[in-house]
Amino acid sequence: KAFAERATPEERAALRAALAEVDALLDGGGPLADVLAAKDRFYDALLDGAHNEVARIALRGVHARTSLLRGLTLRAEGRPAQTR
């Protein structure tokens, strides 16, 4: 909600670009490391546009703990197509 309310046009464009990158990598069967890096850029763009430092700090901690799990689940057959 905060992103939708506070993001600048540039931040909205950055979020769309990050999502397009994730989609392209998933469609093209890109390397897992590239997919995970693109997802990180998506979440960074989302947090940047939200302009909420408290949420950024809290979500960074959660994100750090779930990154390993995300990498493992994306290796499962058929999972990249379900991640959208």
N, C-alpha and C. Protein backbone atom coordinates (compact mmCIF):
# COMPACT_ATOMS: atom_id res chain seq x y z
N LYS A 1 0.82 -1.18 0.00
CA LYS A 1 0.00 0.00 0.00
C LYS A 1 0.87 1.25 0.00
N ALA A 2 1.95 1.24 0.76
CA ALA A 2 2.80 2.42 0.86
C ALA A 2 3.42 2.76 -0.49
N PHE A 3 3.84 1.74 -1.24
CA PHE A 3 4.40 2.00 -2.56
C PHE A 3 3.37 2.69 -3.45
N ALA A 4 2.17 2.17 -3.49
CA ALA A 4 1.12 2.73 -4.34
C ALA A 4 0.82 4.18 -3.97
N GLU A 5 0.92 4.49 -2.71
CA GLU A 5 0.61 5.84 -2.25
C GLU A 5 1.77 6.83 -2.40
N ARG A 6 3.01 6.34 -2.32
CA ARG A 6 4.15 7.25 -2.20
C ARG A 6 5.14 7.24 -3.35
N ALA A 7 5.14 6.22 -4.17
CA ALA A 7 6.17 6.08 -5.20
C ALA A 7 6.08 7.20 -6.24
N THR A 8 7.25 7.64 -6.65
CA THR A 8 7.34 8.63 -7.73
C THR A 8 7.17 7.91 -9.07
N PRO A 9 6.93 8.65 -10.13
CA PRO A 9 6.87 8.00 -11.45
C PRO A 9 8.14 7.22 -11.79
N GLU A 10 9.28 7.74 -11.38
CA GLU A 10 10.54 7.04 -11.64
C GLU A 10 10.62 5.73 -10.86
N GLU A 11 10.15 5.75 -9.62
CA GLU A 11 10.16 4.53 -8.81
C GLU A 11 9.17 3.50 -9.35
N ARG A 12 8.04 3.96 -9.87
CA ARG A 12 7.08 3.05 -10.49
C ARG A 12 7.69 2.41 -11.74
N ALA A 13 8.40 3.21 -12.52
CA ALA A 13 9.06 2.68 -13.72
C ALA A 13 10.14 1.67 -13.33
N ALA A 14 10.88 1.94 -12.27
CA ALA A 14 11.91 1.01 -11.81
C ALA A 14 11.29 -0.31 -11.37
N LEU A 15 10.15 -0.25 -10.70
CA LEU A 15 9.47 -1.48 -10.27
C LEU A 15 8.99 -2.28 -11.48
N ARG A 16 8.40 -1.59 -12.46
CA ARG A 16 7.96 -2.29 -13.67
C ARG A 16 9.13 -2.93 -14.40
N ALA A 17 10.26 -2.21 -14.47
CA ALA A 17 11.45 -2.75 -15.14
C ALA A 17 11.99 -3.97 -14.41
N ALA A 18 11.99 -3.91 -13.09
CA ALA A 18 12.47 -5.05 -12.30
C ALA A 18 11.57 -6.26 -12.49
N LEU A 19 10.27 -6.04 -12.53
CA LEU A 19 9.34 -7.14 -12.75
C LEU A 19 9.51 -7.72 -14.15
N ALA A 20 9.71 -6.87 -15.14
CA ALA A 20 9.93 -7.35 -16.51
C ALA A 20 11.20 -8.19 -16.59
N GLU A 21 12.22 -7.79 -15.85
CA GLU A 21 13.47 -8.56 -15.82
C GLU A 21 13.24 -9.95 -15.22
N VAL A 22 12.51 -10.01 -14.12
CA VAL A 22 12.19 -11.30 -13.49
C VAL A 22 11.42 -12.17 -14.49
N ASP A 23 10.40 -11.60 -15.11
CA ASP A 23 9.61 -12.35 -16.08
C ASP A 23 10.47 -12.88 -17.23
N ALA A 24 11.33 -12.02 -17.76
CA ALA A 24 12.17 -12.43 -18.89
C ALA A 24 13.10 -13.57 -18.50
N LEU A 25 13.67 -13.49 -17.32
CA LEU A 25 14.57 -14.56 -16.88
C LEU A 25 13.81 -15.86 -16.65
N LEU A 26 12.62 -15.77 -16.09
CA LEU A 26 11.83 -16.98 -15.87
C LEU A 26 11.36 -17.57 -17.19
N ASP A 27 10.95 -16.72 -18.12
CA ASP A 27 10.51 -17.20 -19.44
C ASP A 27 11.65 -17.83 -20.21
N GLY A 28 12.84 -17.25 -20.07
CA GLY A 28 13.99 -17.73 -20.82
C GLY A 28 14.78 -18.81 -20.11
N GLY A 29 14.34 -19.21 -18.95
CA GLY A 29 15.07 -20.23 -18.22
C GLY A 29 16.43 -19.74 -17.76
N GLY A 30 16.49 -18.48 -17.38
CA GLY A 30 17.77 -17.90 -16.96
C GLY A 30 18.37 -18.61 -15.77
N PRO A 31 19.66 -18.41 -15.57
CA PRO A 31 20.33 -19.03 -14.42
C PRO A 31 19.67 -18.63 -13.11
N LEU A 32 19.62 -19.56 -12.19
CA LEU A 32 18.98 -19.32 -10.90
C LEU A 32 19.56 -18.11 -10.19
N ALA A 33 20.85 -17.95 -10.23
CA ALA A 33 21.48 -16.80 -9.57
C ALA A 33 20.98 -15.49 -10.16
N ASP A 34 20.77 -15.46 -11.48
CA ASP A 34 20.26 -14.25 -12.12
C ASP A 34 18.81 -13.98 -11.73
N VAL A 35 18.02 -15.03 -11.63
CA VAL A 35 16.62 -14.89 -11.23
C VAL A 35 16.55 -14.33 -9.80
N LEU A 36 17.35 -14.88 -8.92
CA LEU A 36 17.35 -14.42 -7.53
C LEU A 36 17.82 -12.97 -7.43
N ALA A 37 18.83 -12.60 -8.20
CA ALA A 37 19.32 -11.22 -8.19
C ALA A 37 18.25 -10.27 -8.72
N ALA A 38 17.53 -10.69 -9.75
CA ALA A 38 16.46 -9.87 -10.30
C ALA A 38 15.33 -9.71 -9.29
N LYS A 39 15.02 -10.77 -8.58
CA LYS A 39 13.99 -10.67 -7.54
C LYS A 39 14.44 -9.72 -6.43
N ASP A 40 15.71 -9.74 -6.09
CA ASP A 40 16.23 -8.79 -5.11
C ASP A 40 16.04 -7.35 -5.59
N ARG A 41 16.32 -7.11 -6.88
CA ARG A 41 16.14 -5.76 -7.44
C ARG A 41 14.66 -5.36 -7.41
N PHE A 42 13.76 -6.31 -7.64
CA PHE A 42 12.33 -6.03 -7.57
C PHE A 42 11.96 -5.57 -6.15
N TYR A 43 12.38 -6.34 -5.15
CA TYR A 43 12.05 -5.98 -3.78
C TYR A 43 12.71 -4.67 -3.36
N ASP A 44 13.93 -4.41 -3.84
CA ASP A 44 14.58 -3.13 -3.55
C ASP A 44 13.77 -1.97 -4.12
N ALA A 45 13.29 -2.13 -5.36
CA ALA A 45 12.49 -1.07 -5.99
C ALA A 45 11.18 -0.86 -5.22
N LEU A 46 10.59 -1.95 -4.79
CA LEU A 46 9.34 -1.85 -4.02
C LEU A 46 9.56 -1.11 -2.71
N LEU A 47 10.63 -1.45 -2.01
CA LEU A 47 10.94 -0.80 -0.74
C LEU A 47 11.36 0.65 -0.94
N ASP A 48 12.10 0.93 -2.01
CA ASP A 48 12.50 2.32 -2.28
C ASP A 48 11.26 3.20 -2.46
N GLY A 49 10.30 2.71 -3.22
CA GLY A 49 9.11 3.49 -3.51
C GLY A 49 8.17 3.62 -2.33
N ALA A 50 8.27 2.73 -1.37
CA ALA A 50 7.41 2.81 -0.19
C ALA A 50 7.82 3.94 0.75
N HIS A 51 9.09 4.33 0.69
CA HIS A 51 9.60 5.43 1.53
C HIS A 51 9.28 5.19 3.01
N ASN A 52 9.56 3.98 3.47
CA ASN A 52 9.29 3.65 4.87
C ASN A 52 10.50 2.89 5.40
N GLU A 53 11.37 3.59 6.09
CA GLU A 53 12.62 2.99 6.56
C GLU A 53 12.39 1.90 7.59
N VAL A 54 11.37 2.02 8.42
CA VAL A 54 11.07 0.99 9.40
C VAL A 54 10.70 -0.31 8.69
N ALA A 55 9.85 -0.22 7.68
CA ALA A 55 9.47 -1.41 6.91
C ALA A 55 10.67 -1.98 6.19
N ARG A 56 11.52 -1.12 5.64
CA ARG A 56 12.72 -1.58 4.93
C ARG A 56 13.60 -2.42 5.85
N ILE A 57 13.85 -1.93 7.04
CA ILE A 57 14.72 -2.65 7.98
C ILE A 57 14.09 -3.98 8.37
N ALA A 58 12.81 -3.97 8.68
CA ALA A 58 12.13 -5.21 9.08
C ALA A 58 12.12 -6.22 7.93
N LEU A 59 11.79 -5.76 6.74
CA LEU A 59 11.70 -6.68 5.61
C LEU A 59 13.06 -7.17 5.14
N ARG A 60 14.09 -6.37 5.30
CA ARG A 60 15.45 -6.82 4.94
C ARG A 60 15.83 -8.03 5.79
N GLY A 61 15.48 -8.01 7.06
CA GLY A 61 15.79 -9.16 7.91
C GLY A 61 15.05 -10.40 7.47
N VAL A 62 13.78 -10.25 7.17
CA VAL A 62 12.99 -11.39 6.68
C VAL A 62 13.54 -11.86 5.33
N HIS A 63 13.84 -10.91 4.46
CA HIS A 63 14.34 -11.26 3.13
C HIS A 63 15.66 -12.04 3.22
N ALA A 64 16.53 -11.62 4.08
CA ALA A 64 17.81 -12.32 4.24
C ALA A 64 17.60 -13.77 4.66
N ARG A 65 16.62 -13.99 5.53
CA ARG A 65 16.36 -15.35 6.01
C ARG A 65 15.65 -16.22 4.98
N THR A 66 14.90 -15.61 4.09
CA THR A 66 14.14 -16.40 3.11
C THR A 66 14.87 -16.58 1.78
N SER A 67 15.95 -15.87 1.56
CA SER A 67 16.66 -15.98 0.29
C SER A 67 17.14 -17.40 0.01
N LEU A 68 17.66 -18.04 1.02
CA LEU A 68 18.13 -19.41 0.84
C LEU A 68 16.97 -20.33 0.47
N LEU A 69 15.87 -20.20 1.15
CA LEU A 69 14.70 -21.02 0.86
C LEU A 69 14.19 -20.75 -0.56
N ARG A 70 14.18 -19.49 -0.96
CA ARG A 70 13.73 -19.15 -2.30
C ARG A 70 14.59 -19.85 -3.35
N GLY A 71 15.88 -19.85 -3.14
CA GLY A 71 16.79 -20.53 -4.08
C GLY A 71 16.50 -22.01 -4.17
N LEU A 72 16.20 -22.61 -3.06
CA LEU A 72 15.90 -24.04 -3.06
C LEU A 72 14.58 -24.35 -3.75
N THR A 73 13.56 -23.55 -3.50
CA THR A 73 12.25 -23.84 -4.09
C THR A 73 12.25 -23.58 -5.58
N LEU A 74 13.02 -22.60 -6.04
CA LEU A 74 13.05 -22.32 -7.48
C LEU A 74 13.76 -23.41 -8.28
N ARG A 75 14.48 -24.28 -7.60
CA ARG A 75 15.14 -25.39 -8.29
C ARG A 75 14.16 -26.53 -8.59
N ALA A 76 13.03 -26.55 -7.92
CA ALA A 76 12.05 -27.62 -8.13
C ALA A 76 11.48 -27.53 -9.54
N GLU A 77 11.30 -28.66 -10.16
CA GLU A 77 10.79 -28.71 -11.53
C GLU A 77 9.43 -28.02 -11.62
N GLY A 78 9.29 -27.13 -12.58
CA GLY A 78 8.04 -26.43 -12.80
C GLY A 78 7.81 -25.24 -11.89
N ARG A 79 8.63 -25.08 -10.88
CA ARG A 79 8.41 -24.01 -9.90
C ARG A 79 8.61 -22.61 -10.48
N PRO A 80 9.63 -22.36 -11.31
CA PRO A 80 9.79 -21.00 -11.82
C PRO A 80 8.53 -20.47 -12.51
N ALA A 81 7.81 -21.30 -13.21
CA ALA A 81 6.58 -20.85 -13.89
C ALA A 81 5.48 -20.51 -12.88
N GLN A 82 5.54 -21.08 -11.69
CA GLN A 82 4.51 -20.84 -10.67
C GLN A 82 4.83 -19.65 -9.78
N THR A 83 6.00 -19.06 -9.95
CA THR A 83 6.45 -18.03 -9.02
C THR A 83 5.83 -16.67 -9.27
N ARG A 84 5.11 -16.53 -10.33
CA ARG A 84 4.52 -15.22 -10.66
C ARG A 84 3.27 -15.04 -9.93
